[in-house]
Amino acid sequence: GHHGTLVNTPTRAVCGARWTGQEHCFRHAPGQYGAIHFHDD
């Protein structure tokens, strides 16, 4: 249970490596949207 926290709110629920293109709602297939997009601004 070594949980963590995010700072400055990067974008969550974005397409990850497992995204198939067949589901376009992250709530229906959260595993396909398991990436976080970080930005320096």
PDB file of all heavy atoms in Angstrom:
ATOM      1  N   GLY A   1       0.802  -1.230   0.000  1.00  0.00           N
ATOM      2  CA  GLY A   1       0.000   0.000   0.000  1.00  0.00           C
ATOM      3  C   GLY A   1       0.827   1.268   0.000  1.00  0.00           C
ATOM      4  O   GLY A   1       0.512   2.219   0.725  1.00  0.00           O
ATOM      5  N   HIS A   2       1.864   1.315  -0.820  1.00  0.00           N
ATOM      6  CA  HIS A   2       2.701   2.512  -0.901  1.00  0.00           C
ATOM      7  C   HIS A   2       2.070   3.512  -1.880  1.00  0.00           C
ATOM      8  O   HIS A   2       2.588   3.763  -2.972  1.00  0.00           O
ATOM      9  CB  HIS A   2       4.114   2.144  -1.359  1.00  0.00           C
ATOM     10  CG  HIS A   2       4.871   1.291  -0.404  1.00  0.00           C
ATOM     11  ND1 HIS A   2       4.853   1.508   0.957  1.00  0.00           N
ATOM     12  CD2 HIS A   2       5.681   0.208  -0.603  1.00  0.00           C
ATOM     13  CE1 HIS A   2       5.617   0.619   1.561  1.00  0.00           C
ATOM     14  NE2 HIS A   2       6.123  -0.193   0.639  1.00  0.00           N
ATOM     15  N   HIS A   3       0.967   4.082  -1.475  1.00  0.00           N
ATOM     16  CA  HIS A   3       0.221   4.975  -2.361  1.00  0.00           C
ATOM     17  C   HIS A   3       0.969   6.305  -2.540  1.00  0.00           C
ATOM     18  O   HIS A   3       1.892   6.635  -1.785  1.00  0.00           O
ATOM     19  CB  HIS A   3      -1.179   5.219  -1.805  1.00  0.00           C
ATOM     20  CG  HIS A   3      -1.921   3.960  -1.476  1.00  0.00           C
ATOM     21  ND1 HIS A   3      -2.184   2.996  -2.420  1.00  0.00           N
ATOM     22  CD2 HIS A   3      -2.427   3.496  -0.302  1.00  0.00           C
ATOM     23  CE1 HIS A   3      -2.841   1.993  -1.853  1.00  0.00           C
ATOM     24  NE2 HIS A   3      -2.991   2.273  -0.570  1.00  0.00           N
ATOM     25  N   GLY A   4       0.556   7.051  -3.538  1.00  0.00           N
ATOM     26  CA  GLY A   4       1.187   8.330  -3.818  1.00  0.00           C
ATOM     27  C   GLY A   4       0.170   9.420  -4.076  1.00  0.00           C
ATOM     28  O   GLY A   4      -1.048   9.211  -3.959  1.00  0.00           O
ATOM     29  N   THR A   5       0.676  10.592  -4.424  1.00  0.00           N
ATOM     30  CA  THR A   5      -0.201  11.722  -4.718  1.00  0.00           C
ATOM     31  C   THR A   5       0.360  12.504  -5.895  1.00  0.00           C
ATOM     32  O   THR A   5       1.576  12.474  -6.158  1.00  0.00           O
ATOM     33  CB  THR A   5      -0.346  12.641  -3.491  1.00  0.00           C
ATOM     34  OG1 THR A   5      -1.349  13.624  -3.737  1.00  0.00           O
ATOM     35  CG2 THR A   5       0.957  13.348  -3.174  1.00  0.00           C
ATOM     36  N   LEU A   6      -0.517  13.196  -6.606  1.00  0.00           N
ATOM     37  CA  LEU A   6      -0.122  13.985  -7.763  1.00  0.00           C
ATOM     38  C   LEU A   6      -0.105  15.463  -7.405  1.00  0.00           C
ATOM     39  O   LEU A   6      -0.905  15.934  -6.590  1.00  0.00           O
ATOM     40  CB  LEU A   6      -1.090  13.743  -8.926  1.00  0.00           C
ATOM     41  CG  LEU A   6      -1.132  12.308  -9.461  1.00  0.00           C
ATOM     42  CD1 LEU A   6      -2.272  12.140 -10.465  1.00  0.00           C
ATOM     43  CD2 LEU A   6       0.198  11.924 -10.104  1.00  0.00           C
ATOM     44  N   VAL A   7       0.778  16.195  -8.054  1.00  0.00           N
ATOM     45  CA  VAL A   7       0.937  17.631  -7.823  1.00  0.00           C
ATOM     46  C   VAL A   7       0.684  18.356  -9.140  1.00  0.00           C
ATOM     47  O   VAL A   7       1.146  17.928 -10.206  1.00  0.00           O
ATOM     48  CB  VAL A   7       2.349  17.940  -7.295  1.00  0.00           C
ATOM     49  CG1 VAL A   7       2.514  19.446  -7.050  1.00  0.00           C
ATOM     50  CG2 VAL A   7       2.627  17.165  -6.017  1.00  0.00           C
ATOM     51  N   ASN A   8      -0.072  19.450  -9.064  1.00  0.00           N
ATOM     52  CA  ASN A   8      -0.383  20.301 -10.214  1.00  0.00           C
ATOM     53  C   ASN A   8      -1.266  19.609 -11.254  1.00  0.00           C
ATOM     54  O   ASN A   8      -1.282  19.990 -12.433  1.00  0.00           O
ATOM     55  CB  ASN A   8       0.886  20.849 -10.878  1.00  0.00           C
ATOM     56  CG  ASN A   8       1.288  22.197 -10.299  1.00  0.00           C
ATOM     57  OD1 ASN A   8       0.448  22.932  -9.792  1.00  0.00           O
ATOM     58  ND2 ASN A   8       2.565  22.529 -10.381  1.00  0.00           N
ATOM     59  N   THR A   9      -2.008  18.616 -10.807  1.00  0.00           N
ATOM     60  CA  THR A   9      -3.102  18.029 -11.576  1.00  0.00           C
ATOM     61  C   THR A   9      -2.748  17.698 -13.020  1.00  0.00           C
ATOM     62  O   THR A   9      -3.229  18.327 -13.962  1.00  0.00           O
ATOM     63  CB  THR A   9      -4.352  18.948 -11.550  1.00  0.00           C
ATOM     64  OG1 THR A   9      -4.542  19.444 -10.237  1.00  0.00           O
ATOM     65  CG2 THR A   9      -5.600  18.173 -11.953  1.00  0.00           C
ATOM     66  N   PRO A  10      -1.895  16.715 -13.243  1.00  0.00           N
ATOM     67  CA  PRO A  10      -1.713  16.225 -14.621  1.00  0.00           C
ATOM     68  C   PRO A  10      -3.007  15.604 -15.122  1.00  0.00           C
ATOM     69  O   PRO A  10      -3.929  15.327 -14.334  1.00  0.00           O
ATOM     70  CB  PRO A  10      -0.603  15.178 -14.463  1.00  0.00           C
ATOM     71  CG  PRO A  10      -0.737  14.700 -13.046  1.00  0.00           C
ATOM     72  CD  PRO A  10      -1.163  15.907 -12.253  1.00  0.00           C
ATOM     73  N   THR A  11      -3.094  15.367 -16.419  1.00  0.00           N
ATOM     74  CA  THR A  11      -4.331  14.876 -17.017  1.00  0.00           C
ATOM     75  C   THR A  11      -4.432  13.365 -16.837  1.00  0.00           C
ATOM     76  O   THR A  11      -3.556  12.615 -17.279  1.00  0.00           O
ATOM     77  CB  THR A  11      -4.382  15.224 -18.513  1.00  0.00           C
ATOM     78  OG1 THR A  11      -4.119  16.619 -18.670  1.00  0.00           O
ATOM     79  CG2 THR A  11      -5.746  14.905 -19.090  1.00  0.00           C
ATOM     80  N   ARG A  12      -5.507  12.936 -16.199  1.00  0.00           N
ATOM     81  CA  ARG A  12      -5.732  11.513 -15.961  1.00  0.00           C
ATOM     82  C   ARG A  12      -6.769  10.975 -16.948  1.00  0.00           C
ATOM     83  O   ARG A  12      -7.377  11.707 -17.714  1.00  0.00           O
ATOM     84  CB  ARG A  12      -6.200  11.266 -14.534  1.00  0.00           C
ATOM     85  CG  ARG A  12      -5.258  11.808 -13.471  1.00  0.00           C
ATOM     86  CD  ARG A  12      -5.501  11.223 -12.118  1.00  0.00           C
ATOM     87  NE  ARG A  12      -5.126   9.800 -12.054  1.00  0.00           N
ATOM     88  CZ  ARG A  12      -5.077   9.093 -10.922  1.00  0.00           C
ATOM     89  NH1 ARG A  12      -5.362   9.686  -9.776  1.00  0.00           N
ATOM     90  NH2 ARG A  12      -4.728   7.811 -10.937  1.00  0.00           N
ATOM     91  N   ALA A  13      -6.965   9.653 -16.888  1.00  0.00           N
ATOM     92  CA  ALA A  13      -7.937   8.956 -17.736  1.00  0.00           C
ATOM     93  C   ALA A  13      -7.638   9.177 -19.214  1.00  0.00           C
ATOM     94  O   ALA A  13      -8.538   9.366 -20.024  1.00  0.00           O
ATOM     95  CB  ALA A  13      -9.362   9.389 -17.401  1.00  0.00           C
ATOM     96  N   VAL A  14      -6.359   9.155 -19.582  1.00  0.00           N
ATOM     97  CA  VAL A  14      -5.971   9.274 -20.984  1.00  0.00           C
ATOM     98  C   VAL A  14      -5.585   7.886 -21.503  1.00  0.00           C
ATOM     99  O   VAL A  14      -5.257   6.974 -20.753  1.00  0.00           O
ATOM    100  CB  VAL A  14      -4.811  10.264 -21.185  1.00  0.00           C
ATOM    101  CG1 VAL A  14      -5.223  11.666 -20.782  1.00  0.00           C
ATOM    102  CG2 VAL A  14      -3.581   9.845 -20.398  1.00  0.00           C
ATOM    103  N   CYS A  15      -5.629   7.746 -22.806  1.00  0.00           N
ATOM    104  CA  CYS A  15      -5.367   6.446 -23.433  1.00  0.00           C
ATOM    105  C   CYS A  15      -3.972   5.949 -23.068  1.00  0.00           C
ATOM    106  O   CYS A  15      -2.984   6.670 -23.212  1.00  0.00           O
ATOM    107  CB  CYS A  15      -5.488   6.553 -24.953  1.00  0.00           C
ATOM    108  SG  CYS A  15      -7.129   6.987 -25.526  1.00  0.00           S
ATOM    109  N   GLY A  16      -3.915   4.702 -22.615  1.00  0.00           N
ATOM    110  CA  GLY A  16      -2.650   4.096 -22.277  1.00  0.00           C
ATOM    111  C   GLY A  16      -2.199   3.108 -23.337  1.00  0.00           C
ATOM    112  O   GLY A  16      -2.779   3.023 -24.433  1.00  0.00           O
ATOM    113  N   ALA A  17      -1.190   2.330 -22.994  1.00  0.00           N
ATOM    114  CA  ALA A  17      -0.646   1.362 -23.946  1.00  0.00           C
ATOM    115  C   ALA A  17      -1.635   0.250 -24.259  1.00  0.00           C
ATOM    116  O   ALA A  17      -1.509  -0.428 -25.282  1.00  0.00           O
ATOM    117  CB  ALA A  17       0.650   0.773 -23.382  1.00  0.00           C
ATOM    118  N   ARG A  18      -2.624   0.071 -23.390  1.00  0.00           N
ATOM    119  CA  ARG A  18      -3.588  -1.018 -23.588  1.00  0.00           C
ATOM    120  C   ARG A  18      -4.850  -0.575 -24.305  1.00  0.00           C
ATOM    121  O   ARG A  18      -5.793  -1.350 -24.437  1.00  0.00           O
ATOM    122  CB  ARG A  18      -3.947  -1.622 -22.228  1.00  0.00           C
ATOM    123  CG  ARG A  18      -2.773  -2.311 -21.541  1.00  0.00           C
ATOM    124  CD  ARG A  18      -3.120  -2.708 -20.116  1.00  0.00           C
ATOM    125  NE  ARG A  18      -3.198  -1.539 -19.245  1.00  0.00           N
ATOM    126  CZ  ARG A  18      -3.627  -1.573 -17.982  1.00  0.00           C
ATOM    127  NH1 ARG A  18      -4.016  -2.721 -17.460  1.00  0.00           N
ATOM    128  NH2 ARG A  18      -3.647  -0.476 -17.254  1.00  0.00           N
ATOM    129  N   TRP A  19      -4.888   0.668 -24.750  1.00  0.00           N
ATOM    130  CA  TRP A  19      -6.097   1.152 -25.431  1.00  0.00           C
ATOM    131  C   TRP A  19      -6.266   0.444 -26.771  1.00  0.00           C
ATOM    132  O   TRP A  19      -5.333   0.358 -27.573  1.00  0.00           O
ATOM    133  CB  TRP A  19      -5.992   2.662 -25.644  1.00  0.00           C
ATOM    134  CG  TRP A  19      -7.244   3.277 -26.194  1.00  0.00           C
ATOM    135  CD1 TRP A  19      -8.470   3.318 -25.615  1.00  0.00           C
ATOM    136  CD2 TRP A  19      -7.389   3.963 -27.448  1.00  0.00           C
ATOM    137  NE1 TRP A  19      -9.373   3.977 -26.405  1.00  0.00           N
ATOM    138  CE2 TRP A  19      -8.743   4.375 -27.543  1.00  0.00           C
ATOM    139  CE3 TRP A  19      -6.510   4.256 -28.482  1.00  0.00           C
ATOM    140  CZ2 TRP A  19      -9.221   5.079 -28.646  1.00  0.00           C
ATOM    141  CZ3 TRP A  19      -7.003   4.956 -29.573  1.00  0.00           C
ATOM    142  CH2 TRP A  19      -8.335   5.355 -29.655  1.00  0.00           C
ATOM    143  N   THR A  20      -7.474  -0.051 -27.021  1.00  0.00           N
ATOM    144  CA  THR A  20      -7.745  -0.810 -28.246  1.00  0.00           C
ATOM    145  C   THR A  20      -8.391   0.025 -29.333  1.00  0.00           C
ATOM    146  O   THR A  20      -8.468  -0.409 -30.481  1.00  0.00           O
ATOM    147  CB  THR A  20      -8.676  -1.996 -27.937  1.00  0.00           C
ATOM    148  OG1 THR A  20      -9.967  -1.493 -27.522  1.00  0.00           O
ATOM    149  CG2 THR A  20      -8.092  -2.876 -26.844  1.00  0.00           C
ATOM    150  N   GLY A  21      -8.893   1.199 -28.984  1.00  0.00           N
ATOM    151  CA  GLY A  21      -9.625   2.005 -29.959  1.00  0.00           C
ATOM    152  C   GLY A  21     -11.089   1.639 -30.052  1.00  0.00           C
ATOM    153  O   GLY A  21     -11.844   2.283 -30.786  1.00  0.00           O
ATOM    154  N   GLN A  22     -11.511   0.618 -29.304  1.00  0.00           N
ATOM    155  CA  GLN A  22     -12.892   0.153 -29.394  1.00  0.00           C
ATOM    156  C   GLN A  22     -13.794   0.775 -28.337  1.00  0.00           C
ATOM    157  O   GLN A  22     -15.015   0.655 -28.432  1.00  0.00           O
ATOM    158  CB  GLN A  22     -12.930  -1.377 -29.279  1.00  0.00           C
ATOM    159  CG  GLN A  22     -12.229  -2.087 -30.434  1.00  0.00           C
ATOM    160  CD  GLN A  22     -12.206  -3.594 -30.269  1.00  0.00           C
ATOM    161  OE1 GLN A  22     -12.327  -4.103 -29.161  1.00  0.00           O
ATOM    162  NE2 GLN A  22     -12.052  -4.302 -31.365  1.00  0.00           N
ATOM    163  N   GLU A  23     -13.212   1.412 -27.328  1.00  0.00           N
ATOM    164  CA  GLU A  23     -14.007   2.016 -26.265  1.00  0.00           C
ATOM    165  C   GLU A  23     -13.547   3.451 -26.057  1.00  0.00           C
ATOM    166  O   GLU A  23     -12.365   3.707 -25.834  1.00  0.00           O
ATOM    167  CB  GLU A  23     -13.857   1.226 -24.964  1.00  0.00           C
ATOM    168  CG  GLU A  23     -14.664   1.786 -23.820  1.00  0.00           C
ATOM    169  CD  GLU A  23     -16.126   1.980 -24.163  1.00  0.00           C
ATOM    170  OE1 GLU A  23     -16.817   0.961 -24.414  1.00  0.00           O
ATOM    171  OE2 GLU A  23     -16.576   3.152 -24.220  1.00  0.00           O
ATOM    172  N   HIS A  24     -14.501   4.367 -26.154  1.00  0.00           N
ATOM    173  CA  HIS A  24     -14.164   5.784 -26.122  1.00  0.00           C
ATOM    174  C   HIS A  24     -14.616   6.482 -24.838  1.00  0.00           C
ATOM    175  O   HIS A  24     -14.633   7.711 -24.786  1.00  0.00           O
ATOM    176  CB  HIS A  24     -14.747   6.489 -27.351  1.00  0.00           C
ATOM    177  CG  HIS A  24     -14.171   5.977 -28.637  1.00  0.00           C
ATOM    178  ND1 HIS A  24     -12.991   6.454 -29.167  1.00  0.00           N
ATOM    179  CD2 HIS A  24     -14.578   4.992 -29.472  1.00  0.00           C
ATOM    180  CE1 HIS A  24     -12.712   5.801 -30.281  1.00  0.00           C
ATOM    181  NE2 HIS A  24     -13.653   4.906 -30.486  1.00  0.00           N
ATOM    182  N   CYS A  25     -14.986   5.707 -23.837  1.00  0.00           N
ATOM    183  CA  CYS A  25     -15.342   6.277 -22.535  1.00  0.00           C
ATOM    184  C   CYS A  25     -14.491   5.594 -21.470  1.00  0.00           C
ATOM    185  O   CYS A  25     -14.560   4.369 -21.306  1.00  0.00           O
ATOM    186  CB  CYS A  25     -16.830   6.073 -22.237  1.00  0.00           C
ATOM    187  SG  CYS A  25     -17.309   6.697 -20.599  1.00  0.00           S
ATOM    188  N   PHE A  26     -13.712   6.345 -20.765  1.00  0.00           N
ATOM    189  CA  PHE A  26     -12.791   5.757 -19.791  1.00  0.00           C
ATOM    190  C   PHE A  26     -13.537   5.037 -18.677  1.00  0.00           C
ATOM    191  O   PHE A  26     -13.022   4.090 -18.081  1.00  0.00           O
ATOM    192  CB  PHE A  26     -11.861   6.835 -19.217  1.00  0.00           C
ATOM    193  CG  PHE A  26     -12.510   7.776 -18.228  1.00  0.00           C
ATOM    194  CD1 PHE A  26     -12.500   7.495 -16.878  1.00  0.00           C
ATOM    195  CD2 PHE A  26     -13.115   8.954 -18.657  1.00  0.00           C
ATOM    196  CE1 PHE A  26     -13.092   8.364 -15.965  1.00  0.00           C
ATOM    197  CE2 PHE A  26     -13.694   9.820 -17.746  1.00  0.00           C
ATOM    198  CZ  PHE A  26     -13.694   9.533 -16.401  1.00  0.00           C
ATOM    199  N   ARG A  27     -14.757   5.461 -18.382  1.00  0.00           N
ATOM    200  CA  ARG A  27     -15.508   4.805 -17.312  1.00  0.00           C
ATOM    201  C   ARG A  27     -15.908   3.384 -17.688  1.00  0.00           C
ATOM    202  O   ARG A  27     -16.113   2.533 -16.822  1.00  0.00           O
ATOM    203  CB  ARG A  27     -16.751   5.618 -16.970  1.00  0.00           C
ATOM    204  CG  ARG A  27     -16.432   6.953 -16.289  1.00  0.00           C
ATOM    205  CD  ARG A  27     -17.676   7.740 -15.907  1.00  0.00           C
ATOM    206  NE  ARG A  27     -18.372   8.238 -17.092  1.00  0.00           N
ATOM    207  CZ  ARG A  27     -19.518   7.759 -17.552  1.00  0.00           C
ATOM    208  NH1 ARG A  27     -20.090   6.719 -16.961  1.00  0.00           N
ATOM    209  NH2 ARG A  27     -20.097   8.280 -18.619  1.00  0.00           N
ATOM    210  N   HIS A  28     -16.042   3.103 -18.971  1.00  0.00           N
ATOM    211  CA  HIS A  28     -16.443   1.771 -19.420  1.00  0.00           C
ATOM    212  C   HIS A  28     -15.264   0.805 -19.484  1.00  0.00           C
ATOM    213  O   HIS A  28     -15.466  -0.411 -19.407  1.00  0.00           O
ATOM    214  CB  HIS A  28     -17.097   1.861 -20.800  1.00  0.00           C
ATOM    215  CG  HIS A  28     -18.346   2.675 -20.800  1.00  0.00           C
ATOM    216  ND1 HIS A  28     -18.921   3.167 -21.962  1.00  0.00           N
ATOM    217  CD2 HIS A  28     -19.137   3.122 -19.787  1.00  0.00           C
ATOM    218  CE1 HIS A  28     -20.003   3.862 -21.665  1.00  0.00           C
ATOM    219  NE2 HIS A  28     -20.151   3.856 -20.354  1.00  0.00           N
ATOM    220  N   ALA A  29     -14.064   1.313 -19.669  1.00  0.00           N
ATOM    221  CA  ALA A  29     -12.874   0.453 -19.768  1.00  0.00           C
ATOM    222  C   ALA A  29     -11.690   1.174 -19.127  1.00  0.00           C
ATOM    223  O   ALA A  29     -10.755   1.587 -19.814  1.00  0.00           O
ATOM    224  CB  ALA A  29     -12.575   0.117 -21.230  1.00  0.00           C
ATOM    225  N   PRO A  30     -11.717   1.346 -17.801  1.00  0.00           N
ATOM    226  CA  PRO A  30     -10.659   2.143 -17.158  1.00  0.00           C
ATOM    227  C   PRO A  30      -9.263   1.608 -17.393  1.00  0.00           C
ATOM    228  O   PRO A  30      -8.306   2.376 -17.447  1.00  0.00           O
ATOM    229  CB  PRO A  30     -11.046   2.103 -15.672  1.00  0.00           C
ATOM    230  CG  PRO A  30     -11.994   0.967 -15.528  1.00  0.00           C
ATOM    231  CD  PRO A  30     -12.710   0.852 -16.829  1.00  0.00           C
ATOM    232  N   GLY A  31      -9.121   0.293 -17.564  1.00  0.00           N
ATOM    233  CA  GLY A  31      -7.793  -0.260 -17.802  1.00  0.00           C
ATOM    234  C   GLY A  31      -7.164   0.222 -19.085  1.00  0.00           C
ATOM    235  O   GLY A  31      -5.926   0.264 -19.202  1.00  0.00           O
ATOM    236  N   GLN A  32      -7.983   0.597 -20.061  1.00  0.00           N
ATOM    237  CA  GLN A  32      -7.451   1.105 -21.324  1.00  0.00           C
ATOM    238  C   GLN A  32      -7.068   2.588 -21.223  1.00  0.00           C
ATOM    239  O   GLN A  32      -6.436   3.125 -22.129  1.00  0.00           O
ATOM    240  CB  GLN A  32      -8.471   0.907 -22.441  1.00  0.00           C
ATOM    241  CG  GLN A  32      -8.791  -0.553 -22.744  1.00  0.00           C
ATOM    242  CD  GLN A  32      -9.690  -0.698 -23.959  1.00  0.00           C
ATOM    243  OE1 GLN A  32      -9.633   0.101 -24.895  1.00  0.00           O
ATOM    244  NE2 GLN A  32     -10.525  -1.724 -23.945  1.00  0.00           N
ATOM    245  N   TYR A  33      -7.486   3.226 -20.153  1.00  0.00           N
ATOM    246  CA  TYR A  33      -7.205   4.646 -19.946  1.00  0.00           C
ATOM    247  C   TYR A  33      -6.333   4.839 -18.698  1.00  0.00           C
ATOM    248  O   TYR A  33      -6.484   5.804 -17.964  1.00  0.00           O
ATOM    249  CB  TYR A  33      -8.508   5.426 -19.815  1.00  0.00           C
ATOM    250  CG  TYR A  33      -9.286   5.515 -21.111  1.00  0.00           C
ATOM    251  CD1 TYR A  33     -10.121   4.464 -21.519  1.00  0.00           C
ATOM    252  CD2 TYR A  33      -9.173   6.622 -21.938  1.00  0.00           C
ATOM    253  CE1 TYR A  33     -10.824   4.539 -22.713  1.00  0.00           C
ATOM    254  CE2 TYR A  33      -9.877   6.700 -23.129  1.00  0.00           C
ATOM    255  CZ  TYR A  33     -10.697   5.658 -23.513  1.00  0.00           C
ATOM    256  OH  TYR A  33     -11.392   5.740 -24.700  1.00  0.00           O
ATOM    257  N   GLY A  34      -5.405   3.889 -18.505  1.00  0.00           N
ATOM    258  CA  GLY A  34      -4.610   3.873 -17.288  1.00  0.00           C
ATOM    259  C   GLY A  34      -3.316   4.642 -17.365  1.00  0.00           C
ATOM    260  O   GLY A  34      -2.349   4.282 -16.688  1.00  0.00           O
ATOM    261  N   ALA A  35      -3.262   5.688 -18.161  1.00  0.00           N
ATOM    262  CA  ALA A  35      -2.054   6.519 -18.253  1.00  0.00           C
ATOM    263  C   ALA A  35      -2.325   7.893 -17.643  1.00  0.00           C
ATOM    264  O   ALA A  35      -3.479   8.324 -17.515  1.00  0.00           O
ATOM    265  CB  ALA A  35      -1.601   6.662 -19.700  1.00  0.00           C
ATOM    266  N   ILE A  36      -1.263   8.563 -17.275  1.00  0.00           N
ATOM    267  CA  ILE A  36      -1.323   9.950 -16.821  1.00  0.00           C
ATOM    268  C   ILE A  36      -0.444  10.775 -17.749  1.00  0.00           C
ATOM    269  O   ILE A  36       0.694  10.392 -18.040  1.00  0.00           O
ATOM    270  CB  ILE A  36      -0.837  10.101 -15.373  1.00  0.00           C
ATOM    271  CG1 ILE A  36      -1.748   9.324 -14.416  1.00  0.00           C
ATOM    272  CG2 ILE A  36      -0.792  11.571 -14.968  1.00  0.00           C
ATOM    273  CD1 ILE A  36      -1.300   9.374 -12.961  1.00  0.00           C
ATOM    274  N   HIS A  37      -0.980  11.908 -18.228  1.00  0.00           N
ATOM    275  CA  HIS A  37      -0.235  12.799 -19.128  1.00  0.00           C
ATOM    276  C   HIS A  37       0.294  13.972 -18.311  1.00  0.00           C
ATOM    277  O   HIS A  37      -0.471  14.781 -17.770  1.00  0.00           O
ATOM    278  CB  HIS A  37      -1.157  13.292 -20.242  1.00  0.00           C
ATOM    279  CG  HIS A  37      -0.414  13.838 -21.425  1.00  0.00           C
ATOM    280  ND1 HIS A  37      -0.891  13.743 -22.710  1.00  0.00           N
ATOM    281  CD2 HIS A  37       0.780  14.485 -21.530  1.00  0.00           C
ATOM    282  CE1 HIS A  37      -0.032  14.301 -23.549  1.00  0.00           C
ATOM    283  NE2 HIS A  37       0.987  14.763 -22.844  1.00  0.00           N
ATOM    284  N   PHE A  38       1.610  14.063 -18.229  1.00  0.00           N
ATOM    285  CA  PHE A  38       2.284  15.134 -17.492  1.00  0.00           C
ATOM    286  C   PHE A  38       2.743  16.223 -18.471  1.00  0.00           C
ATOM    287  O   PHE A  38       3.108  15.938 -19.610  1.00  0.00           O
ATOM    288  CB  PHE A  38       3.504  14.577 -16.752  1.00  0.00           C
ATOM    289  CG  PHE A  38       3.170  13.550 -15.709  1.00  0.00           C
ATOM    290  CD1 PHE A  38       3.097  12.202 -16.035  1.00  0.00           C
ATOM    291  CD2 PHE A  38       2.926  13.924 -14.398  1.00  0.00           C
ATOM    292  CE1 PHE A  38       2.794  11.244 -15.081  1.00  0.00           C
ATOM    293  CE2 PHE A  38       2.622  12.974 -13.429  1.00  0.00           C
ATOM    294  CZ  PHE A  38       2.553  11.632 -13.771  1.00  0.00           C
ATOM    295  N   HIS A  39       2.717  17.466 -18.001  1.00  0.00           N
ATOM    296  CA  HIS A  39       3.161  18.610 -18.807  1.00  0.00           C
ATOM    297  C   HIS A  39       3.991  19.545 -17.942  1.00  0.00           C
ATOM    298  O   HIS A  39       3.701  19.713 -16.740  1.00  0.00           O
ATOM    299  CB  HIS A  39       1.974  19.400 -19.367  1.00  0.00           C
ATOM    300  CG  HIS A  39       0.977  18.589 -20.119  1.00  0.00           C
ATOM    301  ND1 HIS A  39      -0.116  18.013 -19.499  1.00  0.00           N
ATOM    302  CD2 HIS A  39       0.895  18.259 -21.431  1.00  0.00           C
ATOM    303  CE1 HIS A  39      -0.831  17.356 -20.414  1.00  0.00           C
ATOM    304  NE2 HIS A  39      -0.241  17.499 -21.583  1.00  0.00           N
ATOM    305  N   ASP A  40       4.962  20.197 -18.547  1.00  0.00           N
ATOM    306  CA  ASP A  40       5.797  21.094 -17.752  1.00  0.00           C
ATOM    307  C   ASP A  40       5.164  22.463 -17.532  1.00  0.00           C
ATOM    308  O   ASP A  40       5.775  23.322 -16.878  1.00  0.00           O
ATOM    309  CB  ASP A  40       7.201  21.235 -18.344  1.00  0.00           C
ATOM    310  CG  ASP A  40       7.216  21.792 -19.752  1.00  0.00           C
ATOM    311  OD1 ASP A  40       6.183  22.291 -20.220  1.00  0.00           O
ATOM    312  OD2 ASP A  40       8.281  21.715 -20.409  1.00  0.00           O
ATOM    313  N   ASP A  41       3.935  22.686 -18.027  1.00  0.00           N
ATOM    314  CA  ASP A  41       3.247  23.942 -17.720  1.00  0.00           C
ATOM    315  C   ASP A  41       1.937  23.708 -16.974  1.00  0.00           C
ATOM    316  O   ASP A  41       1.140  24.641 -16.823  1.00  0.00           O
ATOM    317  CB  ASP A  41       3.006  24.759 -18.986  1.00  0.00           C
ATOM    318  CG  ASP A  41       2.082  24.066 -19.982  1.00  0.00           C
ATOM    319  OD1 ASP A  41       1.921  22.827 -19.897  1.00  0.00           O
ATOM    320  OD2 ASP A  41       1.520  24.760 -20.857  1.00  0.00           O
TER     321      ASP A  41
END
